[in-house]
Amino acid sequence: MIFYKRGFLLAEETLKLILAVIAVGLLAYLLFALYNVGKDSRHLEFAEESIDFLSQEILAQKTEVEIFNPEKWWITSWPGQYGASSWWSFSNDIKEGEPNACSNLGWESCICICEKASPESCDSLGVCLENVKGFSFNHIQIDDVPLTLNLDYNGGVITKK
């Protein structure tokens, strides 16, 4: 029969407990990371569907459009209603501050749905379409869904209802 000293048995059990806590922590981090990746891709899919729907409604000359997703994201246009003097750009170059998704395609103007109302956000987590009708507006948050947008084709402005 082998007898263990009480201190040795306690140290062994403590080590097992510490390793178990570390393993559970790593698993929780992995699950959290997977959830966030899935959430971002789901919101991006919603944004793509919403921008496609908005494009179809603009081509159909609708005066009101309801946008449902993704909630708490932003609809923006570049250049905005105030052109290059909008809050992110103080130069006379109208292309400064435009998302790469628009400038790389050579679009004069674009409408985007992005996580945040900034060109960097539209590049990393957002979708854009060419603004063929020349609408000009600044940031509209998709907050109270459904968000109803009024499209004024004569004035070239999109406003929140």
N, C-alpha and C. Protein backbone atom coordinates (compact mmCIF):
# COMPACT_ATOMS: atom_id res chain seq x y z
N MET A 1 0.81 -1.18 0.00
CA MET A 1 0.00 0.00 0.00
C MET A 1 0.86 1.25 0.00
N ILE A 2 0.48 2.20 -0.87
CA ILE A 2 1.21 3.45 -0.93
C ILE A 2 0.36 4.52 -0.28
N PHE A 3 0.96 5.25 0.61
CA PHE A 3 0.26 6.33 1.28
C PHE A 3 0.75 7.67 0.76
N TYR A 4 -0.20 8.55 0.47
CA TYR A 4 0.16 9.89 0.02
C TYR A 4 0.13 10.85 1.20
N LYS A 5 1.01 11.78 1.14
CA LYS A 5 0.97 12.83 2.14
C LYS A 5 -0.17 13.76 1.77
N ARG A 6 -0.81 14.32 2.73
CA ARG A 6 -1.96 15.19 2.49
C ARG A 6 -1.61 16.37 1.59
N GLY A 7 -0.47 16.96 1.72
CA GLY A 7 -0.06 18.11 0.92
C GLY A 7 0.11 17.74 -0.54
N PHE A 8 0.64 16.58 -0.84
CA PHE A 8 0.84 16.16 -2.23
C PHE A 8 -0.50 15.95 -2.92
N LEU A 9 -1.46 15.34 -2.24
CA LEU A 9 -2.79 15.09 -2.81
C LEU A 9 -3.52 16.41 -3.05
N LEU A 10 -3.39 17.36 -2.16
CA LEU A 10 -4.03 18.66 -2.31
C LEU A 10 -3.44 19.41 -3.50
N ALA A 11 -2.14 19.36 -3.69
CA ALA A 11 -1.50 20.04 -4.81
C ALA A 11 -1.94 19.43 -6.14
N GLU A 12 -2.06 18.12 -6.19
CA GLU A 12 -2.50 17.43 -7.41
C GLU A 12 -3.93 17.83 -7.78
N GLU A 13 -4.81 17.86 -6.82
CA GLU A 13 -6.21 18.24 -7.07
C GLU A 13 -6.33 19.72 -7.44
N THR A 14 -5.52 20.56 -6.83
CA THR A 14 -5.51 22.00 -7.17
C THR A 14 -5.06 22.20 -8.61
N LEU A 15 -4.04 21.48 -9.03
CA LEU A 15 -3.55 21.57 -10.41
C LEU A 15 -4.64 21.14 -11.39
N LYS A 16 -5.34 20.06 -11.10
CA LYS A 16 -6.43 19.60 -11.96
C LYS A 16 -7.54 20.65 -12.04
N LEU A 17 -7.85 21.26 -10.93
CA LEU A 17 -8.89 22.29 -10.90
C LEU A 17 -8.48 23.51 -11.74
N ILE A 18 -7.23 23.94 -11.61
CA ILE A 18 -6.74 25.09 -12.39
C ILE A 18 -6.77 24.77 -13.88
N LEU A 19 -6.34 23.59 -14.28
CA LEU A 19 -6.38 23.19 -15.68
C LEU A 19 -7.82 23.12 -16.20
N ALA A 20 -8.75 22.67 -15.41
CA ALA A 20 -10.16 22.60 -15.82
C ALA A 20 -10.73 24.00 -16.01
N VAL A 21 -10.39 24.94 -15.12
CA VAL A 21 -10.88 26.32 -15.24
C VAL A 21 -10.31 26.95 -16.51
N ILE A 22 -9.04 26.72 -16.80
CA ILE A 22 -8.43 27.26 -18.02
C ILE A 22 -9.12 26.68 -19.26
N ALA A 23 -9.39 25.39 -19.26
CA ALA A 23 -10.04 24.75 -20.40
C ALA A 23 -11.46 25.29 -20.60
N VAL A 24 -12.19 25.47 -19.54
CA VAL A 24 -13.55 26.02 -19.64
C VAL A 24 -13.49 27.46 -20.14
N GLY A 25 -12.52 28.24 -19.67
CA GLY A 25 -12.36 29.61 -20.14
C GLY A 25 -12.06 29.67 -21.63
N LEU A 26 -11.18 28.81 -22.11
CA LEU A 26 -10.87 28.76 -23.54
C LEU A 26 -12.09 28.37 -24.37
N LEU A 27 -12.85 27.41 -23.90
CA LEU A 27 -14.07 27.01 -24.61
C LEU A 27 -15.09 28.14 -24.65
N ALA A 28 -15.24 28.87 -23.55
CA ALA A 28 -16.17 30.00 -23.52
C ALA A 28 -15.72 31.08 -24.49
N TYR A 29 -14.42 31.36 -24.55
CA TYR A 29 -13.90 32.36 -25.49
C TYR A 29 -14.15 31.92 -26.93
N LEU A 30 -13.93 30.66 -27.24
CA LEU A 30 -14.16 30.15 -28.58
C LEU A 30 -15.63 30.27 -28.97
N LEU A 31 -16.52 29.92 -28.08
CA LEU A 31 -17.96 30.05 -28.37
C LEU A 31 -18.36 31.50 -28.58
N PHE A 32 -17.83 32.40 -27.77
CA PHE A 32 -18.12 33.83 -27.91
C PHE A 32 -17.61 34.35 -29.25
N ALA A 33 -16.40 33.95 -29.65
CA ALA A 33 -15.83 34.39 -30.92
C ALA A 33 -16.65 33.86 -32.09
N LEU A 34 -17.07 32.62 -32.04
CA LEU A 34 -17.91 32.05 -33.10
C LEU A 34 -19.26 32.76 -33.18
N TYR A 35 -19.83 33.10 -32.04
CA TYR A 35 -21.11 33.82 -32.03
C TYR A 35 -20.96 35.18 -32.70
N ASN A 36 -19.90 35.91 -32.38
CA ASN A 36 -19.69 37.24 -32.97
C ASN A 36 -19.46 37.18 -34.47
N VAL A 37 -18.72 36.20 -34.94
CA VAL A 37 -18.51 36.04 -36.38
C VAL A 37 -19.83 35.76 -37.06
N GLY A 38 -20.64 34.90 -36.50
CA GLY A 38 -21.95 34.59 -37.07
C GLY A 38 -22.88 35.79 -37.05
N LYS A 39 -22.83 36.58 -35.99
CA LYS A 39 -23.68 37.76 -35.88
C LYS A 39 -23.32 38.79 -36.94
N ASP A 40 -22.02 39.04 -37.13
CA ASP A 40 -21.59 40.01 -38.13
C ASP A 40 -21.97 39.57 -39.53
N SER A 41 -21.80 38.29 -39.83
CA SER A 41 -22.14 37.83 -41.18
C SER A 41 -23.65 37.87 -41.39
N ARG A 42 -24.42 37.61 -40.35
CA ARG A 42 -25.88 37.66 -40.46
C ARG A 42 -26.33 39.11 -40.70
N HIS A 43 -25.74 40.06 -39.99
CA HIS A 43 -26.07 41.47 -40.19
C HIS A 43 -25.67 41.94 -41.59
N LEU A 44 -24.54 41.45 -42.08
CA LEU A 44 -24.09 41.82 -43.42
C LEU A 44 -25.06 41.26 -44.48
N GLU A 45 -25.56 40.06 -44.26
CA GLU A 45 -26.57 39.50 -45.18
C GLU A 45 -27.84 40.34 -45.15
N PHE A 46 -28.27 40.76 -43.96
CA PHE A 46 -29.44 41.63 -43.85
C PHE A 46 -29.21 42.93 -44.61
N ALA A 47 -28.01 43.51 -44.46
CA ALA A 47 -27.68 44.76 -45.13
C ALA A 47 -27.72 44.58 -46.65
N GLU A 48 -27.19 43.47 -47.14
CA GLU A 48 -27.22 43.20 -48.58
C GLU A 48 -28.65 43.09 -49.09
N GLU A 49 -29.49 42.39 -48.34
CA GLU A 49 -30.89 42.26 -48.74
C GLU A 49 -31.59 43.61 -48.73
N SER A 50 -31.31 44.42 -47.71
CA SER A 50 -31.95 45.74 -47.61
C SER A 50 -31.49 46.66 -48.73
N ILE A 51 -30.21 46.64 -49.07
CA ILE A 51 -29.71 47.53 -50.12
C ILE A 51 -30.24 47.07 -51.48
N ASP A 52 -30.38 45.75 -51.68
CA ASP A 52 -30.98 45.24 -52.92
C ASP A 52 -32.43 45.68 -53.03
N PHE A 53 -33.16 45.61 -51.92
CA PHE A 53 -34.56 46.02 -51.91
C PHE A 53 -34.68 47.51 -52.20
N LEU A 54 -33.82 48.31 -51.57
CA LEU A 54 -33.82 49.76 -51.79
C LEU A 54 -33.53 50.07 -53.26
N SER A 55 -32.58 49.36 -53.84
CA SER A 55 -32.25 49.56 -55.25
C SER A 55 -33.44 49.25 -56.15
N GLN A 56 -34.13 48.16 -55.87
CA GLN A 56 -35.31 47.79 -56.67
C GLN A 56 -36.41 48.82 -56.53
N GLU A 57 -36.61 49.33 -55.34
CA GLU A 57 -37.66 50.32 -55.11
C GLU A 57 -37.31 51.65 -55.79
N ILE A 58 -36.04 52.02 -55.80
CA ILE A 58 -35.63 53.25 -56.49
C ILE A 58 -35.85 53.10 -57.99
N LEU A 59 -35.48 51.96 -58.54
CA LEU A 59 -35.69 51.74 -59.97
C LEU A 59 -37.17 51.71 -60.34
N ALA A 60 -38.01 51.29 -59.38
CA ALA A 60 -39.46 51.26 -59.61
C ALA A 60 -40.12 52.61 -59.32
N GLN A 61 -39.30 53.64 -58.98
CA GLN A 61 -39.78 55.00 -58.70
C GLN A 61 -40.75 55.06 -57.52
N LYS A 62 -40.58 54.21 -56.51
CA LYS A 62 -41.42 54.24 -55.30
C LYS A 62 -41.07 55.48 -54.49
N THR A 63 -42.07 56.06 -53.84
CA THR A 63 -41.83 57.25 -53.03
C THR A 63 -41.62 56.92 -51.56
N GLU A 64 -41.99 55.71 -51.15
CA GLU A 64 -41.75 55.27 -49.78
C GLU A 64 -41.17 53.86 -49.81
N VAL A 65 -40.18 53.66 -48.96
CA VAL A 65 -39.53 52.36 -48.86
C VAL A 65 -39.37 52.03 -47.38
N GLU A 66 -39.72 50.79 -47.01
CA GLU A 66 -39.53 50.34 -45.63
C GLU A 66 -38.29 49.46 -45.56
N ILE A 67 -37.42 49.79 -44.60
CA ILE A 67 -36.19 49.03 -44.36
C ILE A 67 -36.31 48.42 -42.97
N PHE A 68 -36.05 47.13 -42.87
CA PHE A 68 -36.21 46.42 -41.60
C PHE A 68 -34.89 46.05 -40.92
N ASN A 69 -33.84 45.83 -41.70
CA ASN A 69 -32.61 45.29 -41.14
C ASN A 69 -31.40 45.93 -41.79
N PRO A 70 -30.27 45.83 -41.15
CA PRO A 70 -29.99 45.43 -39.78
C PRO A 70 -30.21 46.60 -38.81
N GLU A 71 -30.88 46.31 -37.75
CA GLU A 71 -31.23 47.34 -36.77
C GLU A 71 -29.97 47.95 -36.15
N LYS A 72 -30.03 49.26 -35.92
CA LYS A 72 -28.95 50.08 -35.34
C LYS A 72 -27.80 50.33 -36.32
N TRP A 73 -27.95 49.96 -37.58
CA TRP A 73 -26.96 50.28 -38.60
C TRP A 73 -27.36 51.60 -39.24
N TRP A 74 -26.58 52.07 -40.20
CA TRP A 74 -26.78 53.39 -40.80
C TRP A 74 -26.92 53.29 -42.31
N ILE A 75 -27.78 54.13 -42.87
CA ILE A 75 -27.88 54.33 -44.32
C ILE A 75 -27.24 55.68 -44.59
N THR A 76 -26.26 55.70 -45.48
CA THR A 76 -25.55 56.94 -45.79
C THR A 76 -25.37 57.09 -47.30
N SER A 77 -25.08 58.31 -47.71
CA SER A 77 -24.77 58.55 -49.12
C SER A 77 -23.45 59.28 -49.21
N TRP A 78 -22.70 59.04 -50.27
CA TRP A 78 -21.46 59.74 -50.53
C TRP A 78 -21.51 60.28 -51.95
N PRO A 79 -21.18 61.50 -52.19
CA PRO A 79 -21.01 62.53 -51.17
C PRO A 79 -22.34 62.81 -50.49
N GLY A 80 -22.28 63.24 -49.26
CA GLY A 80 -23.49 63.51 -48.49
C GLY A 80 -24.17 64.79 -48.93
N GLN A 81 -25.24 65.12 -48.25
CA GLN A 81 -26.05 66.29 -48.58
C GLN A 81 -25.21 67.56 -48.57
N TYR A 82 -24.21 67.60 -47.70
CA TYR A 82 -23.39 68.79 -47.58
C TYR A 82 -22.06 68.64 -48.30
N GLY A 83 -21.97 67.63 -49.16
CA GLY A 83 -20.78 67.44 -49.98
C GLY A 83 -19.55 67.18 -49.15
N ALA A 84 -18.45 67.75 -49.55
CA ALA A 84 -17.17 67.47 -48.90
C ALA A 84 -17.06 68.10 -47.53
N SER A 85 -17.96 68.99 -47.16
CA SER A 85 -17.85 69.63 -45.85
C SER A 85 -18.58 68.84 -44.78
N SER A 86 -18.92 67.58 -45.04
CA SER A 86 -19.57 66.78 -44.01
C SER A 86 -18.59 66.52 -42.87
N TRP A 87 -19.06 65.91 -41.80
CA TRP A 87 -18.28 65.85 -40.57
C TRP A 87 -16.98 65.09 -40.67
N TRP A 88 -16.80 64.20 -41.64
CA TRP A 88 -15.56 63.45 -41.70
C TRP A 88 -14.55 64.05 -42.67
N SER A 89 -14.91 65.05 -43.42
CA SER A 89 -14.00 65.57 -44.43
C SER A 89 -14.08 67.08 -44.48
N PHE A 90 -12.94 67.74 -44.44
CA PHE A 90 -12.92 69.19 -44.49
C PHE A 90 -12.15 69.70 -45.70
N SER A 91 -11.89 68.84 -46.68
CA SER A 91 -11.14 69.29 -47.85
C SER A 91 -12.11 69.60 -48.99
N ASN A 92 -11.60 70.13 -50.05
CA ASN A 92 -12.41 70.41 -51.23
C ASN A 92 -12.52 69.21 -52.15
N ASP A 93 -11.79 68.15 -51.86
CA ASP A 93 -11.84 66.94 -52.67
C ASP A 93 -13.07 66.13 -52.27
N ILE A 94 -14.05 66.07 -53.15
CA ILE A 94 -15.33 65.43 -52.83
C ILE A 94 -15.20 63.93 -52.62
N LYS A 95 -14.11 63.31 -53.16
CA LYS A 95 -13.92 61.87 -53.02
C LYS A 95 -13.31 61.51 -51.67
N GLU A 96 -12.74 62.47 -50.97
CA GLU A 96 -12.13 62.16 -49.69
C GLU A 96 -13.22 61.74 -48.71
N GLY A 97 -12.97 60.66 -48.00
CA GLY A 97 -13.93 60.18 -47.04
C GLY A 97 -14.95 59.25 -47.64
N GLU A 98 -14.85 58.93 -48.91
CA GLU A 98 -15.77 58.01 -49.56
C GLU A 98 -15.28 56.58 -49.33
N PRO A 99 -16.20 55.63 -49.14
CA PRO A 99 -15.76 54.25 -48.95
C PRO A 99 -15.03 53.72 -50.19
N ASN A 100 -14.08 52.84 -49.97
CA ASN A 100 -13.34 52.24 -51.08
C ASN A 100 -14.27 51.46 -52.00
N ALA A 101 -15.35 50.89 -51.46
CA ALA A 101 -16.30 50.15 -52.28
C ALA A 101 -16.89 51.03 -53.38
N CYS A 102 -16.98 52.32 -53.15
CA CYS A 102 -17.51 53.26 -54.14
C CYS A 102 -16.41 53.83 -55.02
N SER A 103 -15.34 54.31 -54.41
CA SER A 103 -14.29 54.97 -55.18
C SER A 103 -13.54 54.00 -56.08
N ASN A 104 -13.34 52.77 -55.64
CA ASN A 104 -12.63 51.79 -56.47
C ASN A 104 -13.41 51.41 -57.71
N LEU A 105 -14.73 51.51 -57.65
CA LEU A 105 -15.56 51.19 -58.81
C LEU A 105 -15.80 52.41 -59.69
N GLY A 106 -15.30 53.56 -59.25
CA GLY A 106 -15.42 54.79 -60.05
C GLY A 106 -16.81 55.40 -59.99
N TRP A 107 -17.56 55.09 -58.97
CA TRP A 107 -18.90 55.67 -58.84
C TRP A 107 -18.79 57.12 -58.41
N GLU A 108 -19.58 57.99 -59.01
CA GLU A 108 -19.62 59.40 -58.62
C GLU A 108 -20.32 59.57 -57.28
N SER A 109 -21.30 58.72 -57.03
CA SER A 109 -22.10 58.80 -55.81
C SER A 109 -22.57 57.40 -55.46
N CYS A 110 -22.73 57.13 -54.17
CA CYS A 110 -23.21 55.80 -53.76
C CYS A 110 -24.04 55.91 -52.48
N ILE A 111 -24.86 54.89 -52.28
CA ILE A 111 -25.66 54.75 -51.06
C ILE A 111 -25.18 53.48 -50.38
N CYS A 112 -24.93 53.56 -49.07
CA CYS A 112 -24.39 52.42 -48.33
C CYS A 112 -25.21 52.15 -47.08
N ILE A 113 -25.25 50.90 -46.68
CA ILE A 113 -25.76 50.50 -45.37
C ILE A 113 -24.57 49.91 -44.63
N CYS A 114 -24.22 50.56 -43.50
CA CYS A 114 -23.00 50.21 -42.78
C CYS A 114 -23.27 50.11 -41.28
N GLU A 115 -22.38 49.42 -40.59
CA GLU A 115 -22.51 49.29 -39.15
C GLU A 115 -22.42 50.64 -38.45
N LYS A 116 -21.49 51.48 -38.92
CA LYS A 116 -21.33 52.83 -38.38
C LYS A 116 -21.34 53.80 -39.55
N ALA A 117 -21.60 55.05 -39.29
CA ALA A 117 -21.69 56.06 -40.35
C ALA A 117 -20.32 56.63 -40.67
N SER A 118 -19.42 55.76 -41.13
CA SER A 118 -18.09 56.21 -41.52
C SER A 118 -17.62 55.39 -42.71
N PRO A 119 -16.76 55.97 -43.53
CA PRO A 119 -16.25 55.23 -44.69
C PRO A 119 -15.50 53.96 -44.29
N GLU A 120 -14.76 54.01 -43.19
CA GLU A 120 -14.01 52.84 -42.73
C GLU A 120 -14.94 51.71 -42.36
N SER A 121 -16.07 52.03 -41.73
CA SER A 121 -17.04 51.02 -41.36
C SER A 121 -17.67 50.40 -42.59
N CYS A 122 -17.93 51.22 -43.61
CA CYS A 122 -18.52 50.69 -44.84
C CYS A 122 -17.55 49.77 -45.57
N ASP A 123 -16.26 50.03 -45.44
CA ASP A 123 -15.27 49.16 -46.07
C ASP A 123 -15.17 47.83 -45.35
N SER A 124 -15.27 47.85 -44.02
CA SER A 124 -15.09 46.61 -43.26
C SER A 124 -16.39 45.85 -43.06
N LEU A 125 -17.49 46.54 -42.80
CA LEU A 125 -18.75 45.86 -42.53
C LEU A 125 -19.90 46.70 -43.08
N GLY A 126 -20.09 46.63 -44.37
CA GLY A 126 -21.15 47.38 -45.02
C GLY A 126 -21.28 47.00 -46.47
N VAL A 127 -22.36 47.45 -47.10
CA VAL A 127 -22.60 47.21 -48.53
C VAL A 127 -23.03 48.51 -49.18
N CYS A 128 -22.68 48.68 -50.45
CA CYS A 128 -22.98 49.92 -51.16
C CYS A 128 -23.60 49.62 -52.52
N LEU A 129 -24.31 50.62 -53.06
CA LEU A 129 -24.83 50.55 -54.41
C LEU A 129 -24.61 51.89 -55.07
N GLU A 130 -24.52 51.86 -56.39
CA GLU A 130 -24.31 53.11 -57.11
C GLU A 130 -25.59 53.94 -57.03
N ASN A 131 -25.42 55.20 -56.76
CA ASN A 131 -26.54 56.13 -56.61
C ASN A 131 -26.86 56.74 -57.98
N VAL A 132 -27.54 55.95 -58.81
CA VAL A 132 -27.79 56.39 -60.19
C VAL A 132 -28.80 57.53 -60.26
N LYS A 133 -29.67 57.67 -59.28
CA LYS A 133 -30.67 58.74 -59.29
C LYS A 133 -30.15 60.01 -58.64
N GLY A 134 -28.94 59.98 -58.08
CA GLY A 134 -28.33 61.17 -57.52
C GLY A 134 -28.93 61.64 -56.21
N PHE A 135 -29.46 60.73 -55.41
CA PHE A 135 -29.98 61.12 -54.11
C PHE A 135 -28.85 61.62 -53.23
N SER A 136 -29.15 62.61 -52.41
CA SER A 136 -28.16 63.19 -51.52
C SER A 136 -28.78 63.34 -50.13
N PHE A 137 -28.16 62.73 -49.17
CA PHE A 137 -28.63 62.82 -47.78
C PHE A 137 -27.47 62.44 -46.89
N ASN A 138 -27.61 62.75 -45.63
CA ASN A 138 -26.60 62.32 -44.68
C ASN A 138 -27.19 61.20 -43.83
N HIS A 139 -26.49 60.75 -42.89
CA HIS A 139 -26.70 59.55 -42.12
C HIS A 139 -28.12 59.40 -41.57
N ILE A 140 -28.72 58.23 -41.84
CA ILE A 140 -30.02 57.88 -41.28
C ILE A 140 -29.85 56.55 -40.56
N GLN A 141 -30.14 56.52 -39.28
CA GLN A 141 -29.98 55.27 -38.52
C GLN A 141 -31.24 54.43 -38.64
N ILE A 142 -31.04 53.13 -38.81
CA ILE A 142 -32.14 52.18 -38.83
C ILE A 142 -32.43 51.85 -37.37
N ASP A 143 -33.27 52.67 -36.73
CA ASP A 143 -33.49 52.50 -35.30
C ASP A 143 -34.86 51.91 -35.00
N ASP A 144 -35.92 52.59 -35.30
CA ASP A 144 -37.26 52.07 -35.05
C ASP A 144 -37.72 51.35 -36.30
N VAL A 145 -37.63 50.01 -36.28
CA VAL A 145 -38.01 49.25 -37.46
C VAL A 145 -39.51 49.01 -37.48
N PRO A 146 -40.16 49.02 -38.61
CA PRO A 146 -39.56 49.30 -39.90
C PRO A 146 -39.29 50.79 -40.07
N LEU A 147 -38.15 51.09 -40.68
CA LEU A 147 -37.77 52.46 -40.99
C LEU A 147 -38.37 52.81 -42.34
N THR A 148 -39.19 53.86 -42.38
CA THR A 148 -39.79 54.29 -43.63
C THR A 148 -39.00 55.47 -44.18
N LEU A 149 -38.53 55.31 -45.41
CA LEU A 149 -37.79 56.35 -46.09
C LEU A 149 -38.68 57.00 -47.14
N ASN A 150 -38.67 58.33 -47.18
CA ASN A 150 -39.36 59.06 -48.24
C ASN A 150 -38.35 59.40 -49.32
N LEU A 151 -38.66 59.06 -50.56
CA LEU A 151 -37.78 59.32 -51.68
C LEU A 151 -38.36 60.43 -52.53
N ASP A 152 -37.66 61.56 -52.56
CA ASP A 152 -38.07 62.72 -53.35
C ASP A 152 -37.19 62.76 -54.61
N TYR A 153 -37.76 62.32 -55.72
CA TYR A 153 -36.99 62.24 -56.96
C TYR A 153 -36.73 63.62 -57.56
N ASN A 154 -37.63 64.58 -57.33
CA ASN A 154 -37.43 65.91 -57.87
C ASN A 154 -36.32 66.65 -57.13
N GLY A 155 -36.33 66.57 -55.80
CA GLY A 155 -35.31 67.24 -55.01
C GLY A 155 -34.06 66.41 -54.82
N GLY A 156 -34.14 65.09 -55.15
CA GLY A 156 -33.00 64.22 -55.01
C GLY A 156 -32.61 63.95 -53.56
N VAL A 157 -33.62 63.87 -52.68
CA VAL A 157 -33.34 63.72 -51.26
C VAL A 157 -34.08 62.51 -50.71
N ILE A 158 -33.45 61.76 -49.83
CA ILE A 158 -34.09 60.69 -49.08
C ILE A 158 -34.18 61.16 -47.63
N THR A 159 -35.38 61.10 -47.06
CA THR A 159 -35.56 61.51 -45.66
C THR A 159 -36.23 60.39 -44.90
N LYS A 160 -36.06 60.45 -43.59
CA LYS A 160 -36.69 59.51 -42.68
C LYS A 160 -38.10 59.99 -42.39
N LYS A 161 -39.07 59.11 -42.49
CA LYS A 161 -40.46 59.50 -42.22
C LYS A 161 -40.72 59.58 -40.74
